[in-house]
Amino acid sequence: MSLFSSHPPAGLRRRMLESRPAHEAAVVLTEERMARIDAELAKEYARVARAISWAG
């Protein structure tokens, strides 16, 4: 199955997005919020890093 069978070509998607009015983001990622997310995911980051190093 081709990506293009369910998605319009990139040029058309770009033109469609550019034709829409700009608006403010609904969610803003602050430094504090990003740090909390990183802390929450730290164990998963370490697990993935170990899995990659052991696979090599």
PDB file of N, CA and C in Angstrom:
ATOM      1  N   MET A   1       0.849  -1.176   0.000  1.00  0.00           N
ATOM      2  CA  MET A   1       0.000   0.000   0.000  1.00  0.00           C
ATOM      3  C   MET A   1       0.899   1.244   0.000  1.00  0.00           C
ATOM      4  N   SER A   2       0.609   2.170  -0.829  1.00  0.00           N
ATOM      5  CA  SER A   2       1.383   3.395  -0.948  1.00  0.00           C
ATOM      6  C   SER A   2       0.860   4.460   0.017  1.00  0.00           C
ATOM      7  N   LEU A   3       1.773   5.267   0.544  1.00  0.00           N
ATOM      8  CA  LEU A   3       1.386   6.398   1.382  1.00  0.00           C
ATOM      9  C   LEU A   3       0.427   7.310   0.617  1.00  0.00           C
ATOM     10  N   PHE A   4       0.659   7.444  -0.684  1.00  0.00           N
ATOM     11  CA  PHE A   4      -0.146   8.371  -1.486  1.00  0.00           C
ATOM     12  C   PHE A   4      -1.559   7.849  -1.767  1.00  0.00           C
ATOM     13  N   SER A   5      -1.824   6.580  -1.444  1.00  0.00           N
ATOM     14  CA  SER A   5      -3.180   6.073  -1.643  1.00  0.00           C
ATOM     15  C   SER A   5      -4.134   6.613  -0.580  1.00  0.00           C
ATOM     16  N   SER A   6      -3.579   7.063   0.559  1.00  0.00           N
ATOM     17  CA  SER A   6      -4.443   7.590   1.614  1.00  0.00           C
ATOM     18  C   SER A   6      -4.101   9.027   2.011  1.00  0.00           C
ATOM     19  N   HIS A   7      -3.028   9.605   1.456  1.00  0.00           N
ATOM     20  CA  HIS A   7      -2.610  10.961   1.785  1.00  0.00           C
ATOM     21  C   HIS A   7      -2.396  11.758   0.499  1.00  0.00           C
ATOM     22  N   PRO A   8      -2.790  13.022   0.506  1.00  0.00           N
ATOM     23  CA  PRO A   8      -2.529  13.844  -0.686  1.00  0.00           C
ATOM     24  C   PRO A   8      -1.023  14.088  -0.834  1.00  0.00           C
ATOM     25  N   PRO A   9      -0.556  14.393  -2.023  1.00  0.00           N
ATOM     26  CA  PRO A   9       0.862  14.675  -2.231  1.00  0.00           C
ATOM     27  C   PRO A   9       1.340  15.827  -1.336  1.00  0.00           C
ATOM     28  N   ALA A  10       2.635  15.825  -1.028  1.00  0.00           N
ATOM     29  CA  ALA A  10       3.209  16.803  -0.105  1.00  0.00           C
ATOM     30  C   ALA A  10       2.939  18.240  -0.549  1.00  0.00           C
ATOM     31  N   GLY A  11       3.066  18.522  -1.830  1.00  0.00           N
ATOM     32  CA  GLY A  11       2.832  19.887  -2.316  1.00  0.00           C
ATOM     33  C   GLY A  11       1.410  20.343  -2.050  1.00  0.00           C
ATOM     34  N   LEU A  12       0.452  19.474  -2.247  1.00  0.00           N
ATOM     35  CA  LEU A  12      -0.944  19.817  -1.983  1.00  0.00           C
ATOM     36  C   LEU A  12      -1.179  20.011  -0.486  1.00  0.00           C
ATOM     37  N   ARG A  13      -0.599  19.151   0.341  1.00  0.00           N
ATOM     38  CA  ARG A  13      -0.746  19.313   1.797  1.00  0.00           C
ATOM     39  C   ARG A  13      -0.165  20.653   2.231  1.00  0.00           C
ATOM     40  N   ARG A  14       1.003  21.022   1.691  1.00  0.00           N
ATOM     41  CA  ARG A  14       1.630  22.300   2.039  1.00  0.00           C
ATOM     42  C   ARG A  14       0.737  23.462   1.647  1.00  0.00           C
ATOM     43  N   ARG A  15       0.200  23.420   0.424  1.00  0.00           N
ATOM     44  CA  ARG A  15      -0.678  24.517  -0.032  1.00  0.00           C
ATOM     45  C   ARG A  15      -1.936  24.598   0.830  1.00  0.00           C
ATOM     46  N   MET A  16      -2.483  23.451   1.209  1.00  0.00           N
ATOM     47  CA  MET A  16      -3.677  23.451   2.057  1.00  0.00           C
ATOM     48  C   MET A  16      -3.369  24.091   3.413  1.00  0.00           C
ATOM     49  N   LEU A  17      -2.223  23.735   4.001  1.00  0.00           N
ATOM     50  CA  LEU A  17      -1.855  24.309   5.299  1.00  0.00           C
ATOM     51  C   LEU A  17      -1.580  25.799   5.198  1.00  0.00           C
ATOM     52  N   GLU A  18      -0.898  26.212   4.142  1.00  0.00           N
ATOM     53  CA  GLU A  18      -0.583  27.633   3.978  1.00  0.00           C
ATOM     54  C   GLU A  18      -1.830  28.470   3.741  1.00  0.00           C
ATOM     55  N   SER A  19      -2.880  27.881   3.208  1.00  0.00           N
ATOM     56  CA  SER A  19      -4.096  28.647   2.921  1.00  0.00           C
ATOM     57  C   SER A  19      -4.953  28.863   4.168  1.00  0.00           C
ATOM     58  N   ARG A  20      -4.661  28.141   5.233  1.00  0.00           N
ATOM     59  CA  ARG A  20      -5.441  28.287   6.468  1.00  0.00           C
ATOM     60  C   ARG A  20      -4.881  29.430   7.306  1.00  0.00           C
ATOM     61  N   PRO A  21      -5.736  30.120   8.055  1.00  0.00           N
ATOM     62  CA  PRO A  21      -5.244  31.210   8.899  1.00  0.00           C
ATOM     63  C   PRO A  21      -4.403  30.659  10.061  1.00  0.00           C
ATOM     64  N   ALA A  22      -3.390  31.413  10.449  1.00  0.00           N
ATOM     65  CA  ALA A  22      -2.553  31.026  11.583  1.00  0.00           C
ATOM     66  C   ALA A  22      -3.314  31.267  12.881  1.00  0.00           C
ATOM     67  N   HIS A  23      -3.008  30.471  13.896  1.00  0.00           N
ATOM     68  CA  HIS A  23      -3.617  30.678  15.210  1.00  0.00           C
ATOM     69  C   HIS A  23      -2.621  30.282  16.290  1.00  0.00           C
ATOM     70  N   GLU A  24      -2.884  30.701  17.499  1.00  0.00           N
ATOM     71  CA  GLU A  24      -2.001  30.411  18.623  1.00  0.00           C
ATOM     72  C   GLU A  24      -2.069  28.919  18.960  1.00  0.00           C
ATOM     73  N   ALA A  25      -0.962  28.404  19.468  1.00  0.00           N
ATOM     74  CA  ALA A  25      -0.915  26.998  19.870  1.00  0.00           C
ATOM     75  C   ALA A  25      -1.818  26.764  21.074  1.00  0.00           C
ATOM     76  N   ALA A  26      -2.482  25.609  21.117  1.00  0.00           N
ATOM     77  CA  ALA A  26      -3.352  25.274  22.237  1.00  0.00           C
ATOM     78  C   ALA A  26      -2.533  24.828  23.447  1.00  0.00           C
ATOM     79  N   VAL A  27      -1.373  24.239  23.200  1.00  0.00           N
ATOM     80  CA  VAL A  27      -0.499  23.767  24.276  1.00  0.00           C
ATOM     81  C   VAL A  27       0.889  24.329  24.039  1.00  0.00           C
ATOM     82  N   VAL A  28       1.486  24.897  25.076  1.00  0.00           N
ATOM     83  CA  VAL A  28       2.821  25.465  24.966  1.00  0.00           C
ATOM     84  C   VAL A  28       3.754  24.661  25.873  1.00  0.00           C
ATOM     85  N   LEU A  29       4.852  24.192  25.316  1.00  0.00           N
ATOM     86  CA  LEU A  29       5.820  23.418  26.076  1.00  0.00           C
ATOM     87  C   LEU A  29       6.865  24.360  26.666  1.00  0.00           C
ATOM     88  N   THR A  30       6.796  24.539  27.976  1.00  0.00           N
ATOM     89  CA  THR A  30       7.757  25.399  28.664  1.00  0.00           C
ATOM     90  C   THR A  30       8.975  24.568  29.075  1.00  0.00           C
ATOM     91  N   GLU A  31      10.055  25.241  29.451  1.00  0.00           N
ATOM     92  CA  GLU A  31      11.260  24.546  29.925  1.00  0.00           C
ATOM     93  C   GLU A  31      10.932  23.694  31.149  1.00  0.00           C
ATOM     94  N   GLU A  32      10.142  24.239  32.068  1.00  0.00           N
ATOM     95  CA  GLU A  32       9.770  23.506  33.287  1.00  0.00           C
ATOM     96  C   GLU A  32       8.973  22.247  32.951  1.00  0.00           C
ATOM     97  N   ARG A  33       8.016  22.395  32.064  1.00  0.00           N
ATOM     98  CA  ARG A  33       7.194  21.249  31.684  1.00  0.00           C
ATOM     99  C   ARG A  33       8.032  20.192  30.965  1.00  0.00           C
ATOM    100  N   MET A  34       8.951  20.634  30.105  1.00  0.00           N
ATOM    101  CA  MET A  34       9.815  19.706  29.397  1.00  0.00           C
ATOM    102  C   MET A  34      10.709  18.945  30.380  1.00  0.00           C
ATOM    103  N   ALA A  35      11.204  19.630  31.402  1.00  0.00           N
ATOM    104  CA  ALA A  35      12.041  18.981  32.414  1.00  0.00           C
ATOM    105  C   ALA A  35      11.242  17.935  33.181  1.00  0.00           C
ATOM    106  N   ARG A  36       9.986  18.225  33.509  1.00  0.00           N
ATOM    107  CA  ARG A  36       9.136  17.246  34.213  1.00  0.00           C
ATOM    108  C   ARG A  36       8.880  16.025  33.340  1.00  0.00           C
ATOM    109  N   ILE A  37       8.643  16.243  32.060  1.00  0.00           N
ATOM    110  CA  ILE A  37       8.410  15.127  31.138  1.00  0.00           C
ATOM    111  C   ILE A  37       9.674  14.283  31.016  1.00  0.00           C
ATOM    112  N   ASP A  38      10.829  14.934  30.870  1.00  0.00           N
ATOM    113  CA  ASP A  38      12.090  14.197  30.778  1.00  0.00           C
ATOM    114  C   ASP A  38      12.340  13.380  32.038  1.00  0.00           C
ATOM    115  N   ALA A  39      12.054  13.945  33.206  1.00  0.00           N
ATOM    116  CA  ALA A  39      12.236  13.221  34.461  1.00  0.00           C
ATOM    117  C   ALA A  39      11.311  12.009  34.527  1.00  0.00           C
ATOM    118  N   GLU A  40      10.087  12.187  34.080  1.00  0.00           N
ATOM    119  CA  GLU A  40       9.127  11.086  34.087  1.00  0.00           C
ATOM    120  C   GLU A  40       9.559   9.953  33.153  1.00  0.00           C
ATOM    121  N   LEU A  41      10.202  10.301  32.042  1.00  0.00           N
ATOM    122  CA  LEU A  41      10.608   9.306  31.052  1.00  0.00           C
ATOM    123  C   LEU A  41      12.044   8.817  31.217  1.00  0.00           C
ATOM    124  N   ALA A  42      12.768   9.298  32.224  1.00  0.00           N
ATOM    125  CA  ALA A  42      14.191   8.983  32.385  1.00  0.00           C
ATOM    126  C   ALA A  42      14.452   7.480  32.424  1.00  0.00           C
ATOM    127  N   LYS A  43      13.625   6.711  33.146  1.00  0.00           N
ATOM    128  CA  LYS A  43      13.820   5.253  33.221  1.00  0.00           C
ATOM    129  C   LYS A  43      13.659   4.613  31.844  1.00  0.00           C
ATOM    130  N   GLU A  44      12.705   5.105  31.067  1.00  0.00           N
ATOM    131  CA  GLU A  44      12.506   4.554  29.722  1.00  0.00           C
ATOM    132  C   GLU A  44      13.665   4.916  28.804  1.00  0.00           C
ATOM    133  N   TYR A  45      14.168   6.156  28.913  1.00  0.00           N
ATOM    134  CA  TYR A  45      15.338   6.547  28.121  1.00  0.00           C
ATOM    135  C   TYR A  45      16.499   5.608  28.410  1.00  0.00           C
ATOM    136  N   ALA A  46      16.739   5.323  29.699  1.00  0.00           N
ATOM    137  CA  ALA A  46      17.847   4.441  30.093  1.00  0.00           C
ATOM    138  C   ALA A  46      17.623   3.029  29.576  1.00  0.00           C
ATOM    139  N   ARG A  47      16.391   2.535  29.666  1.00  0.00           N
ATOM    140  CA  ARG A  47      16.079   1.182  29.190  1.00  0.00           C
ATOM    141  C   ARG A  47      16.343   1.058  27.696  1.00  0.00           C
ATOM    142  N   VAL A  48      15.915   2.034  26.929  1.00  0.00           N
ATOM    143  CA  VAL A  48      16.119   2.009  25.482  1.00  0.00           C
ATOM    144  C   VAL A  48      17.612   2.114  25.148  1.00  0.00           C
ATOM    145  N   ALA A  49      18.330   2.959  25.870  1.00  0.00           N
ATOM    146  CA  ALA A  49      19.772   3.092  25.638  1.00  0.00           C
ATOM    147  C   ALA A  49      20.480   1.764  25.896  1.00  0.00           C
ATOM    148  N   ARG A  50      20.102   1.056  26.984  1.00  0.00           N
ATOM    149  CA  ARG A  50      20.700  -0.256  27.253  1.00  0.00           C
ATOM    150  C   ARG A  50      20.372  -1.251  26.151  1.00  0.00           C
ATOM    151  N   ALA A  51      19.122  -1.272  25.726  1.00  0.00           N
ATOM    152  CA  ALA A  51      18.707  -2.213  24.678  1.00  0.00           C
ATOM    153  C   ALA A  51      19.474  -1.960  23.390  1.00  0.00           C
ATOM    154  N   ILE A  52      19.677  -0.713  23.051  1.00  0.00           N
ATOM    155  CA  ILE A  52      20.430  -0.382  21.822  1.00  0.00           C
ATOM    156  C   ILE A  52      21.890  -0.782  21.974  1.00  0.00           C
ATOM    157  N   SER A  53      22.497  -0.503  23.130  1.00  0.00           N
ATOM    158  CA  SER A  53      23.924  -0.834  23.305  1.00  0.00           C
ATOM    159  C   SER A  53      24.131  -2.344  23.336  1.00  0.00           C
ATOM    160  N   TRP A  54      23.189  -3.107  23.893  1.00  0.00           N
ATOM    161  CA  TRP A  54      23.327  -4.566  23.939  1.00  0.00           C
ATOM    162  C   TRP A  54      23.090  -5.190  22.573  1.00  0.00           C
ATOM    163  N   ALA A  55      22.309  -4.524  21.731  1.00  0.00           N
ATOM    164  CA  ALA A  55      21.986  -5.076  20.410  1.00  0.00           C
ATOM    165  C   ALA A  55      23.137  -4.903  19.434  1.00  0.00           C
ATOM    166  N   GLY A  56      24.049  -3.968  19.711  1.00  0.00           N
ATOM    167  CA  GLY A  56      25.120  -3.627  18.778  1.00  0.00           C
ATOM    168  C   GLY A  56      26.214  -4.613  18.803  1.00  0.00           C
TER     169      GLY A  56
END
